[in-house]
Amino acid sequence: MNPNFCKNLRTKKMYIPAQQDEVFHASDEELDRIGPCWCNRTMAEVGPDDRQVGARNCGKHRSCFED
């Protein structure tokens, strides 16, 4: 998985074998194509810090980030 992603970030494409590479090996230019995401800790589209989750949003700059 992209090392800049929080380990709690989830998207449907992670569970579809034919689309997993789009998520696990996404470059910065491809992040917008990952689609809707949720946080595995909150099971919602917002993280524990009450901010929106997403491929571009869930990085090391957030207080809830986990490697």
PDB file of N, CA and C in Angstrom:
ATOM      1  N   MET A   1       0.850  -1.174   0.000  1.00  0.00           N
ATOM      2  CA  MET A   1       0.000   0.000   0.000  1.00  0.00           C
ATOM      3  C   MET A   1       0.890   1.229   0.000  1.00  0.00           C
ATOM      4  N   ASN A   2       0.369   2.297  -0.527  1.00  0.00           N
ATOM      5  CA  ASN A   2       1.076   3.566  -0.549  1.00  0.00           C
ATOM      6  C   ASN A   2       1.492   3.919   0.876  1.00  0.00           C
ATOM      7  N   PRO A   3       2.783   4.163   1.135  1.00  0.00           N
ATOM      8  CA  PRO A   3       3.244   4.428   2.504  1.00  0.00           C
ATOM      9  C   PRO A   3       2.685   5.716   3.098  1.00  0.00           C
ATOM     10  N   ASN A   4       2.099   6.567   2.264  1.00  0.00           N
ATOM     11  CA  ASN A   4       1.515   7.809   2.761  1.00  0.00           C
ATOM     12  C   ASN A   4       0.073   7.629   3.234  1.00  0.00           C
ATOM     13  N   PHE A   5      -0.505   6.448   3.005  1.00  0.00           N
ATOM     14  CA  PHE A   5      -1.871   6.169   3.450  1.00  0.00           C
ATOM     15  C   PHE A   5      -1.864   5.703   4.901  1.00  0.00           C
ATOM     16  N   CYS A   6      -2.872   6.099   5.620  1.00  0.00           N
ATOM     17  CA  CYS A   6      -3.085   5.569   6.966  1.00  0.00           C
ATOM     18  C   CYS A   6      -3.528   4.115   6.830  1.00  0.00           C
ATOM     19  N   LYS A   7      -3.123   3.270   7.754  1.00  0.00           N
ATOM     20  CA  LYS A   7      -3.497   1.857   7.661  1.00  0.00           C
ATOM     21  C   LYS A   7      -4.997   1.641   7.860  1.00  0.00           C
ATOM     22  N   ASN A   8      -5.713   2.654   8.327  1.00  0.00           N
ATOM     23  CA  ASN A   8      -7.153   2.535   8.549  1.00  0.00           C
ATOM     24  C   ASN A   8      -7.992   3.036   7.370  1.00  0.00           C
ATOM     25  N   LEU A   9      -7.358   3.538   6.334  1.00  0.00           N
ATOM     26  CA  LEU A   9      -8.078   4.006   5.147  1.00  0.00           C
ATOM     27  C   LEU A   9      -8.567   2.811   4.348  1.00  0.00           C
ATOM     28  N   ARG A  10      -9.826   2.820   3.963  1.00  0.00           N
ATOM     29  CA  ARG A  10     -10.415   1.722   3.189  1.00  0.00           C
ATOM     30  C   ARG A  10     -11.212   2.262   2.007  1.00  0.00           C
ATOM     31  N   THR A  11     -11.256   1.467   0.945  1.00  0.00           N
ATOM     32  CA  THR A  11     -12.057   1.747  -0.236  1.00  0.00           C
ATOM     33  C   THR A  11     -12.511   0.409  -0.818  1.00  0.00           C
ATOM     34  N   LYS A  12     -13.615   0.404  -1.526  1.00  0.00           N
ATOM     35  CA  LYS A  12     -14.138  -0.843  -2.091  1.00  0.00           C
ATOM     36  C   LYS A  12     -13.139  -1.523  -3.016  1.00  0.00           C
ATOM     37  N   LYS A  13     -12.347  -0.728  -3.727  1.00  0.00           N
ATOM     38  CA  LYS A  13     -11.400  -1.299  -4.684  1.00  0.00           C
ATOM     39  C   LYS A  13     -10.377  -2.206  -4.013  1.00  0.00           C
ATOM     40  N   MET A  14     -10.139  -2.035  -2.726  1.00  0.00           N
ATOM     41  CA  MET A  14      -9.193  -2.895  -2.009  1.00  0.00           C
ATOM     42  C   MET A  14      -9.682  -4.340  -1.956  1.00  0.00           C
ATOM     43  N   TYR A  15     -10.980  -4.528  -2.067  1.00  0.00           N
ATOM     44  CA  TYR A  15     -11.581  -5.849  -1.922  1.00  0.00           C
ATOM     45  C   TYR A  15     -11.930  -6.512  -3.252  1.00  0.00           C
ATOM     46  N   ILE A  16     -11.609  -5.858  -4.358  1.00  0.00           N
ATOM     47  CA  ILE A  16     -11.862  -6.399  -5.696  1.00  0.00           C
ATOM     48  C   ILE A  16     -10.501  -6.727  -6.309  1.00  0.00           C
ATOM     49  N   PRO A  17     -10.160  -8.005  -6.413  1.00  0.00           N
ATOM     50  CA  PRO A  17      -8.818  -8.390  -6.868  1.00  0.00           C
ATOM     51  C   PRO A  17      -8.352  -7.688  -8.145  1.00  0.00           C
ATOM     52  N   ALA A  18      -9.226  -7.507  -9.100  1.00  0.00           N
ATOM     53  CA  ALA A  18      -8.832  -6.884 -10.365  1.00  0.00           C
ATOM     54  C   ALA A  18      -8.521  -5.393 -10.213  1.00  0.00           C
ATOM     55  N   GLN A  19      -8.931  -4.781  -9.108  1.00  0.00           N
ATOM     56  CA  GLN A  19      -8.720  -3.342  -8.919  1.00  0.00           C
ATOM     57  C   GLN A  19      -7.766  -3.019  -7.769  1.00  0.00           C
ATOM     58  N   GLN A  20      -7.254  -4.012  -7.079  1.00  0.00           N
ATOM     59  CA  GLN A  20      -6.389  -3.776  -5.934  1.00  0.00           C
ATOM     60  C   GLN A  20      -5.136  -2.984  -6.284  1.00  0.00           C
ATOM     61  N   ASP A  21      -4.538  -3.262  -7.428  1.00  0.00           N
ATOM     62  CA  ASP A  21      -3.320  -2.552  -7.802  1.00  0.00           C
ATOM     63  C   ASP A  21      -3.538  -1.051  -7.930  1.00  0.00           C
ATOM     64  N   GLU A  22      -4.749  -0.640  -8.322  1.00  0.00           N
ATOM     65  CA  GLU A  22      -5.049   0.788  -8.424  1.00  0.00           C
ATOM     66  C   GLU A  22      -4.884   1.486  -7.081  1.00  0.00           C
ATOM     67  N   VAL A  23      -5.169   0.784  -6.007  1.00  0.00           N
ATOM     68  CA  VAL A  23      -5.076   1.362  -4.667  1.00  0.00           C
ATOM     69  C   VAL A  23      -3.683   1.176  -4.090  1.00  0.00           C
ATOM     70  N   PHE A  24      -3.197  -0.052  -4.108  1.00  0.00           N
ATOM     71  CA  PHE A  24      -1.947  -0.364  -3.429  1.00  0.00           C
ATOM     72  C   PHE A  24      -0.716   0.234  -4.089  1.00  0.00           C
ATOM     73  N   HIS A  25      -0.809   0.540  -5.362  1.00  0.00           N
ATOM     74  CA  HIS A  25       0.343   1.092  -6.073  1.00  0.00           C
ATOM     75  C   HIS A  25       0.021   2.423  -6.747  1.00  0.00           C
ATOM     76  N   ALA A  26      -0.940   3.146  -6.229  1.00  0.00           N
ATOM     77  CA  ALA A  26      -1.371   4.403  -6.830  1.00  0.00           C
ATOM     78  C   ALA A  26      -0.290   5.472  -6.706  1.00  0.00           C
ATOM     79  N   SER A  27      -0.047   6.143  -7.801  1.00  0.00           N
ATOM     80  CA  SER A  27       0.867   7.281  -7.769  1.00  0.00           C
ATOM     81  C   SER A  27       0.063   8.517  -7.351  1.00  0.00           C
ATOM     82  N   ASP A  28       0.749   9.614  -7.116  1.00  0.00           N
ATOM     83  CA  ASP A  28       0.060  10.839  -6.701  1.00  0.00           C
ATOM     84  C   ASP A  28      -0.976  11.295  -7.725  1.00  0.00           C
ATOM     85  N   GLU A  29      -0.699  11.076  -9.007  1.00  0.00           N
ATOM     86  CA  GLU A  29      -1.620  11.495 -10.064  1.00  0.00           C
ATOM     87  C   GLU A  29      -2.874  10.620 -10.098  1.00  0.00           C
ATOM     88  N   GLU A  30      -2.782   9.397  -9.601  1.00  0.00           N
ATOM     89  CA  GLU A  30      -3.894   8.451  -9.669  1.00  0.00           C
ATOM     90  C   GLU A  30      -4.780   8.442  -8.419  1.00  0.00           C
ATOM     91  N   LEU A  31      -4.449   9.211  -7.412  1.00  0.00           N
ATOM     92  CA  LEU A  31      -5.188   9.179  -6.150  1.00  0.00           C
ATOM     93  C   LEU A  31      -6.658   9.556  -6.301  1.00  0.00           C
ATOM     94  N   ASP A  32      -6.972  10.455  -7.231  1.00  0.00           N
ATOM     95  CA  ASP A  32      -8.355  10.889  -7.413  1.00  0.00           C
ATOM     96  C   ASP A  32      -9.246   9.779  -7.966  1.00  0.00           C
ATOM     97  N   ARG A  33      -8.657   8.752  -8.573  1.00  0.00           N
ATOM     98  CA  ARG A  33      -9.442   7.667  -9.171  1.00  0.00           C
ATOM     99  C   ARG A  33      -9.722   6.518  -8.201  1.00  0.00           C
ATOM    100  N   ILE A  34      -9.262   6.624  -6.977  1.00  0.00           N
ATOM    101  CA  ILE A  34      -9.476   5.545  -6.012  1.00  0.00           C
ATOM    102  C   ILE A  34     -10.942   5.463  -5.591  1.00  0.00           C
ATOM    103  N   GLY A  35     -11.626   6.579  -5.581  1.00  0.00           N
ATOM    104  CA  GLY A  35     -13.049   6.579  -5.260  1.00  0.00           C
ATOM    105  C   GLY A  35     -13.333   6.854  -3.801  1.00  0.00           C
ATOM    106  N   PRO A  36     -14.580   6.693  -3.404  1.00  0.00           N
ATOM    107  CA  PRO A  36     -14.979   6.978  -2.020  1.00  0.00           C
ATOM    108  C   PRO A  36     -14.235   6.094  -1.019  1.00  0.00           C
ATOM    109  N   CYS A  37     -13.917   6.671   0.114  1.00  0.00           N
ATOM    110  CA  CYS A  37     -13.178   5.957   1.156  1.00  0.00           C
ATOM    111  C   CYS A  37     -13.879   6.099   2.499  1.00  0.00           C
ATOM    112  N   TRP A  38     -13.494   5.235   3.441  1.00  0.00           N
ATOM    113  CA  TRP A  38     -13.969   5.356   4.813  1.00  0.00           C
ATOM    114  C   TRP A  38     -12.818   5.017   5.746  1.00  0.00           C
ATOM    115  N   CYS A  39     -12.983   5.393   6.996  1.00  0.00           N
ATOM    116  CA  CYS A  39     -11.999   5.103   8.025  1.00  0.00           C
ATOM    117  C   CYS A  39     -12.397   3.818   8.730  1.00  0.00           C
ATOM    118  N   ASN A  40     -11.471   2.903   8.871  1.00  0.00           N
ATOM    119  CA  ASN A  40     -11.768   1.636   9.507  1.00  0.00           C
ATOM    120  C   ASN A  40     -11.943   1.788  11.026  1.00  0.00           C
ATOM    121  N   ARG A  41     -11.441   2.865  11.601  1.00  0.00           N
ATOM    122  CA  ARG A  41     -11.610   3.099  13.040  1.00  0.00           C
ATOM    123  C   ARG A  41     -13.005   3.634  13.354  1.00  0.00           C
ATOM    124  N   THR A  42     -13.509   4.536  12.502  1.00  0.00           N
ATOM    125  CA  THR A  42     -14.818   5.137  12.764  1.00  0.00           C
ATOM    126  C   THR A  42     -15.928   4.483  11.956  1.00  0.00           C
ATOM    127  N   MET A  43     -15.542   3.719  10.923  1.00  0.00           N
ATOM    128  CA  MET A  43     -16.495   3.108   9.986  1.00  0.00           C
ATOM    129  C   MET A  43     -17.385   4.169   9.338  1.00  0.00           C
ATOM    130  N   ALA A  44     -16.794   5.312   9.065  1.00  0.00           N
ATOM    131  CA  ALA A  44     -17.516   6.432   8.465  1.00  0.00           C
ATOM    132  C   ALA A  44     -16.584   7.182   7.508  1.00  0.00           C
ATOM    133  N   GLU A  45     -17.137   8.171   6.839  1.00  0.00           N
ATOM    134  CA  GLU A  45     -16.361   8.983   5.899  1.00  0.00           C
ATOM    135  C   GLU A  45     -15.599  10.095   6.594  1.00  0.00           C
ATOM    136  N   VAL A  46     -15.628  10.103   7.900  1.00  0.00           N
ATOM    137  CA  VAL A  46     -14.817  11.033   8.694  1.00  0.00           C
ATOM    138  C   VAL A  46     -13.954  10.221   9.642  1.00  0.00           C
ATOM    139  N   GLY A  47     -12.767  10.731   9.918  1.00  0.00           N
ATOM    140  CA  GLY A  47     -11.855  10.043  10.812  1.00  0.00           C
ATOM    141  C   GLY A  47     -12.092  10.415  12.257  1.00  0.00           C
ATOM    142  N   PRO A  48     -11.288   9.872  13.168  1.00  0.00           N
ATOM    143  CA  PRO A  48     -11.411  10.178  14.595  1.00  0.00           C
ATOM    144  C   PRO A  48     -11.208  11.659  14.908  1.00  0.00           C
ATOM    145  N   ASP A  49     -10.556  12.365  13.997  1.00  0.00           N
ATOM    146  CA  ASP A  49     -10.338  13.804  14.187  1.00  0.00           C
ATOM    147  C   ASP A  49     -11.463  14.645  13.582  1.00  0.00           C
ATOM    148  N   ASP A  50     -12.560  14.005  13.195  1.00  0.00           N
ATOM    149  CA  ASP A  50     -13.743  14.667  12.619  1.00  0.00           C
ATOM    150  C   ASP A  50     -13.472  15.383  11.299  1.00  0.00           C
ATOM    151  N   ARG A  51     -12.500  14.902  10.546  1.00  0.00           N
ATOM    152  CA  ARG A  51     -12.206  15.451   9.219  1.00  0.00           C
ATOM    153  C   ARG A  51     -12.458  14.382   8.171  1.00  0.00           C
ATOM    154  N   GLN A  52     -12.782  14.822   6.969  1.00  0.00           N
ATOM    155  CA  GLN A  52     -13.077  13.945   5.840  1.00  0.00           C
ATOM    156  C   GLN A  52     -11.901  13.022   5.538  1.00  0.00           C
ATOM    157  N   VAL A  53     -12.172  11.753   5.250  1.00  0.00           N
ATOM    158  CA  VAL A  53     -11.120  10.817   4.861  1.00  0.00           C
ATOM    159  C   VAL A  53     -11.071  10.705   3.344  1.00  0.00           C
ATOM    160  N   GLY A  54      -9.942  10.291   2.829  1.00  0.00           N
ATOM    161  CA  GLY A  54      -9.764  10.109   1.399  1.00  0.00           C
ATOM    162  C   GLY A  54      -8.311   9.839   1.085  1.00  0.00           C
ATOM    163  N   ALA A  55      -8.052   9.409  -0.121  1.00  0.00           N
ATOM    164  CA  ALA A  55      -6.697   9.061  -0.524  1.00  0.00           C
ATOM    165  C   ALA A  55      -5.751  10.258  -0.416  1.00  0.00           C
ATOM    166  N   ARG A  56      -6.249  11.439  -0.670  1.00  0.00           N
ATOM    167  CA  ARG A  56      -5.418  12.633  -0.563  1.00  0.00           C
ATOM    168  C   ARG A  56      -5.413  13.221   0.855  1.00  0.00           C
ATOM    169  N   ASN A  57      -6.392  12.887   1.656  1.00  0.00           N
ATOM    170  CA  ASN A  57      -6.548  13.505   2.981  1.00  0.00           C
ATOM    171  C   ASN A  57      -5.874  12.736   4.105  1.00  0.00           C
ATOM    172  N   CYS A  58      -5.754  11.437   3.994  1.00  0.00           N
ATOM    173  CA  CYS A  58      -5.302  10.611   5.120  1.00  0.00           C
ATOM    174  C   CYS A  58      -3.809  10.365   5.061  1.00  0.00           C
ATOM    175  N   GLY A  59      -3.078  11.337   5.546  1.00  0.00           N
ATOM    176  CA  GLY A  59      -1.629  11.237   5.521  1.00  0.00           C
ATOM    177  C   GLY A  59      -1.022  11.490   6.882  1.00  0.00           C
ATOM    178  N   LYS A  60       0.282  11.546   6.904  1.00  0.00           N
ATOM    179  CA  LYS A  60       1.044  11.691   8.137  1.00  0.00           C
ATOM    180  C   LYS A  60       0.793  13.009   8.848  1.00  0.00           C
ATOM    181  N   HIS A  61       0.181  13.963   8.176  1.00  0.00           N
ATOM    182  CA  HIS A  61      -0.089  15.268   8.778  1.00  0.00           C
ATOM    183  C   HIS A  61      -1.289  15.246   9.739  1.00  0.00           C
ATOM    184  N   ARG A  62      -2.029  14.148   9.781  1.00  0.00           N
ATOM    185  CA  ARG A  62      -3.205  14.063  10.643  1.00  0.00           C
ATOM    186  C   ARG A  62      -2.861  13.413  11.984  1.00  0.00           C
ATOM    187  N   SER A  63      -3.550  13.867  13.021  1.00  0.00           N
ATOM    188  CA  SER A  63      -3.272  13.366  14.363  1.00  0.00           C
ATOM    189  C   SER A  63      -3.678  11.896  14.545  1.00  0.00           C
ATOM    190  N   CYS A  64      -4.599  11.411  13.747  1.00  0.00           N
ATOM    191  CA  CYS A  64      -5.082  10.031  13.876  1.00  0.00           C
ATOM    192  C   CYS A  64      -4.332   9.054  12.966  1.00  0.00           C
ATOM    193  N   PHE A  65      -3.345   9.519  12.211  1.00  0.00           N
ATOM    194  CA  PHE A  65      -2.611   8.686  11.259  1.00  0.00           C
ATOM    195  C   PHE A  65      -1.915   7.526  11.973  1.00  0.00           C
ATOM    196  N   GLU A  66      -1.985   6.337  11.350  1.00  0.00           N
ATOM    197  CA  GLU A  66      -1.261   5.162  11.842  1.00  0.00           C
ATOM    198  C   GLU A  66      -0.525   4.516  10.671  1.00  0.00           C
ATOM    199  N   ASP A  67       0.739   4.130  10.921  1.00  0.00           N
ATOM    200  CA  ASP A  67       1.549   3.457   9.883  1.00  0.00           C
ATOM    201  C   ASP A  67       1.070   2.054   9.647  1.00  0.00           C
TER     202      ASP A  67
END
